[in-house]
Amino acid sequence: MKILVINNDGGGFADYVDVADGTTVAQLFERQIGATKPSHYLIRVNRQPCPADQVLREGDRISITPTKIEGAKS
């Protein structure tokens, strides 16, 4: 199934990606971002906060935005 992934990390990008039925938000995050901590990101599905175990559906829109900017003062 196709979903839209909006990755606001670094240069950012938005693209449609194919995922298997039953894919969760956590699985997609691991696939797209990798081995960093999900707690360092604001992850939303269709503009709403979501749990990590939420199963994605055809046409969902996922946005991944870092909450900590590298090099910025804390």
N, C-alpha and C. Protein backbone atom coordinates (compact mmCIF):
# COMPACT_ATOMS: atom_id res chain seq x y z
N MET A 1 0.84 -1.18 0.00
CA MET A 1 0.00 0.00 0.00
C MET A 1 0.89 1.24 0.00
N LYS A 2 0.34 2.36 -0.48
CA LYS A 2 1.11 3.60 -0.56
C LYS A 2 0.72 4.55 0.55
N ILE A 3 1.76 5.18 1.13
CA ILE A 3 1.55 6.23 2.12
C ILE A 3 2.50 7.38 1.78
N LEU A 4 2.21 8.56 2.26
CA LEU A 4 3.07 9.72 2.05
C LEU A 4 3.91 9.92 3.29
N VAL A 5 5.23 9.96 3.11
CA VAL A 5 6.15 10.19 4.22
C VAL A 5 6.77 11.57 4.04
N ILE A 6 6.61 12.40 5.07
CA ILE A 6 7.21 13.74 5.09
C ILE A 6 8.29 13.72 6.15
N ASN A 7 9.54 13.75 5.72
CA ASN A 7 10.68 13.69 6.62
C ASN A 7 11.29 15.08 6.71
N ASN A 8 11.15 15.73 7.86
CA ASN A 8 11.66 17.08 8.05
C ASN A 8 13.04 17.09 8.70
N ASP A 9 13.76 15.99 8.64
CA ASP A 9 15.09 15.88 9.23
C ASP A 9 16.13 16.30 8.20
N GLY A 10 17.06 17.13 8.59
CA GLY A 10 18.10 17.57 7.67
C GLY A 10 17.50 18.41 6.55
N GLY A 11 17.77 18.02 5.31
CA GLY A 11 17.24 18.73 4.16
C GLY A 11 15.76 18.51 3.94
N GLY A 12 15.24 17.42 4.49
CA GLY A 12 13.83 17.11 4.38
C GLY A 12 13.45 16.59 3.01
N PHE A 13 12.36 15.87 2.95
CA PHE A 13 11.81 15.39 1.69
C PHE A 13 10.39 14.89 1.95
N ALA A 14 9.64 14.76 0.91
CA ALA A 14 8.32 14.14 0.98
C ALA A 14 8.20 13.22 -0.22
N ASP A 15 7.73 12.01 0.02
CA ASP A 15 7.60 11.06 -1.08
C ASP A 15 6.61 9.97 -0.70
N TYR A 16 5.98 9.41 -1.70
CA TYR A 16 5.13 8.26 -1.48
C TYR A 16 6.01 7.02 -1.39
N VAL A 17 5.74 6.17 -0.42
CA VAL A 17 6.49 4.92 -0.28
C VAL A 17 5.50 3.77 -0.17
N ASP A 18 5.94 2.61 -0.61
CA ASP A 18 5.14 1.40 -0.49
C ASP A 18 5.52 0.69 0.80
N VAL A 19 4.52 0.29 1.57
CA VAL A 19 4.74 -0.47 2.80
C VAL A 19 3.80 -1.67 2.79
N ALA A 20 4.17 -2.69 3.51
CA ALA A 20 3.35 -3.89 3.61
C ALA A 20 2.13 -3.64 4.50
N ASP A 21 1.05 -4.32 4.21
CA ASP A 21 -0.12 -4.27 5.09
C ASP A 21 0.31 -4.67 6.49
N GLY A 22 -0.19 -3.98 7.51
CA GLY A 22 0.14 -4.30 8.89
C GLY A 22 1.36 -3.58 9.42
N THR A 23 2.01 -2.74 8.61
CA THR A 23 3.18 -1.98 9.06
C THR A 23 2.76 -0.97 10.12
N THR A 24 3.54 -0.90 11.21
CA THR A 24 3.25 0.05 12.28
C THR A 24 4.09 1.32 12.11
N VAL A 25 3.71 2.34 12.86
CA VAL A 25 4.45 3.60 12.85
C VAL A 25 5.91 3.34 13.26
N ALA A 26 6.13 2.53 14.30
CA ALA A 26 7.49 2.23 14.76
C ALA A 26 8.32 1.54 13.68
N GLN A 27 7.72 0.61 12.95
CA GLN A 27 8.44 -0.09 11.89
C GLN A 27 8.81 0.87 10.76
N LEU A 28 7.90 1.76 10.41
CA LEU A 28 8.20 2.73 9.36
C LEU A 28 9.29 3.68 9.81
N PHE A 29 9.24 4.14 11.07
CA PHE A 29 10.28 5.04 11.59
C PHE A 29 11.64 4.37 11.49
N GLU A 30 11.75 3.12 11.91
CA GLU A 30 13.01 2.38 11.84
C GLU A 30 13.51 2.29 10.40
N ARG A 31 12.61 2.04 9.49
CA ARG A 31 12.97 1.90 8.08
C ARG A 31 13.44 3.23 7.49
N GLN A 32 12.77 4.33 7.83
CA GLN A 32 13.07 5.62 7.23
C GLN A 32 14.21 6.36 7.93
N ILE A 33 14.27 6.30 9.25
CA ILE A 33 15.23 7.10 10.00
C ILE A 33 16.42 6.27 10.48
N GLY A 34 16.17 5.06 10.94
CA GLY A 34 17.27 4.20 11.38
C GLY A 34 17.40 4.12 12.87
N ALA A 35 18.63 4.07 13.34
CA ALA A 35 18.93 3.70 14.72
C ALA A 35 18.93 4.87 15.71
N THR A 36 18.29 5.95 15.41
CA THR A 36 18.21 7.06 16.36
C THR A 36 16.98 6.90 17.25
N LYS A 37 16.88 7.70 18.29
CA LYS A 37 15.78 7.57 19.25
C LYS A 37 14.50 8.22 18.73
N PRO A 38 13.41 7.47 18.69
CA PRO A 38 12.13 8.06 18.28
C PRO A 38 11.68 9.20 19.19
N SER A 39 12.15 9.20 20.44
CA SER A 39 11.76 10.26 21.37
C SER A 39 12.33 11.63 20.97
N HIS A 40 13.28 11.64 20.04
CA HIS A 40 13.85 12.89 19.55
C HIS A 40 13.07 13.45 18.37
N TYR A 41 11.91 12.83 18.06
CA TYR A 41 11.12 13.24 16.91
C TYR A 41 9.65 13.39 17.29
N LEU A 42 8.99 14.29 16.60
CA LEU A 42 7.54 14.42 16.68
C LEU A 42 7.01 13.66 15.46
N ILE A 43 6.27 12.60 15.72
CA ILE A 43 5.76 11.75 14.65
C ILE A 43 4.23 11.85 14.66
N ARG A 44 3.67 12.19 13.52
CA ARG A 44 2.22 12.34 13.41
C ARG A 44 1.72 11.55 12.21
N VAL A 45 0.50 11.04 12.35
CA VAL A 45 -0.20 10.39 11.24
C VAL A 45 -1.43 11.23 10.94
N ASN A 46 -1.53 11.68 9.71
CA ASN A 46 -2.65 12.52 9.29
C ASN A 46 -2.83 13.73 10.22
N ARG A 47 -1.68 14.32 10.58
CA ARG A 47 -1.59 15.54 11.41
C ARG A 47 -1.96 15.34 12.88
N GLN A 48 -2.12 14.09 13.31
CA GLN A 48 -2.49 13.79 14.69
C GLN A 48 -1.37 13.00 15.38
N PRO A 49 -1.11 13.27 16.67
CA PRO A 49 -0.15 12.44 17.40
C PRO A 49 -0.61 10.98 17.35
N CYS A 50 0.35 10.06 17.39
CA CYS A 50 -0.01 8.65 17.24
C CYS A 50 0.86 7.78 18.14
N PRO A 51 0.35 6.60 18.52
CA PRO A 51 1.16 5.65 19.27
C PRO A 51 2.09 4.89 18.32
N ALA A 52 3.17 4.37 18.85
CA ALA A 52 4.15 3.65 18.04
C ALA A 52 3.56 2.39 17.41
N ASP A 53 2.56 1.79 18.07
CA ASP A 53 2.01 0.54 17.54
C ASP A 53 0.82 0.75 16.61
N GLN A 54 0.55 2.00 16.22
CA GLN A 54 -0.56 2.26 15.30
C GLN A 54 -0.24 1.64 13.95
N VAL A 55 -1.21 0.90 13.41
CA VAL A 55 -1.05 0.27 12.10
C VAL A 55 -1.41 1.29 11.03
N LEU A 56 -0.55 1.40 10.04
CA LEU A 56 -0.76 2.35 8.96
C LEU A 56 -1.79 1.82 7.96
N ARG A 57 -2.50 2.77 7.32
CA ARG A 57 -3.50 2.41 6.32
C ARG A 57 -3.20 3.12 5.01
N GLU A 58 -3.71 2.56 3.93
CA GLU A 58 -3.54 3.14 2.60
C GLU A 58 -3.90 4.63 2.63
N GLY A 59 -3.00 5.46 2.08
CA GLY A 59 -3.25 6.89 1.98
C GLY A 59 -2.88 7.71 3.21
N ASP A 60 -2.40 7.05 4.28
CA ASP A 60 -1.97 7.82 5.46
C ASP A 60 -0.85 8.77 5.10
N ARG A 61 -0.76 9.85 5.86
CA ARG A 61 0.30 10.85 5.70
C ARG A 61 1.09 10.88 7.00
N ILE A 62 2.37 10.52 6.95
CA ILE A 62 3.23 10.45 8.13
C ILE A 62 4.22 11.60 8.08
N SER A 63 4.30 12.39 9.15
CA SER A 63 5.33 13.44 9.22
C SER A 63 6.27 13.13 10.38
N ILE A 64 7.56 13.27 10.10
CA ILE A 64 8.61 13.00 11.08
C ILE A 64 9.46 14.26 11.20
N THR A 65 9.38 14.92 12.37
CA THR A 65 10.05 16.19 12.58
C THR A 65 10.95 16.10 13.81
N PRO A 66 12.26 16.42 13.69
CA PRO A 66 13.12 16.37 14.86
C PRO A 66 12.74 17.43 15.89
N THR A 67 12.85 17.07 17.16
CA THR A 67 12.60 18.04 18.23
C THR A 67 13.91 18.62 18.75
N LYS A 68 15.02 18.00 18.40
CA LYS A 68 16.34 18.49 18.80
C LYS A 68 17.13 18.78 17.52
N ILE A 69 17.54 20.01 17.37
CA ILE A 69 18.29 20.43 16.20
C ILE A 69 19.77 20.34 16.51
N GLU A 70 20.51 19.60 15.70
CA GLU A 70 21.94 19.43 15.94
C GLU A 70 22.66 20.77 15.84
N GLY A 71 23.46 21.07 16.84
CA GLY A 71 24.22 22.31 16.88
C GLY A 71 23.51 23.45 17.58
N ALA A 72 22.24 23.29 17.87
CA ALA A 72 21.49 24.35 18.56
C ALA A 72 21.75 24.30 20.06
N LYS A 73 21.71 25.45 20.72
CA LYS A 73 21.89 25.49 22.16
C LYS A 73 20.66 24.93 22.84
N SER A 74 20.85 24.22 23.94
CA SER A 74 19.73 23.61 24.67
C SER A 74 19.07 24.62 25.58
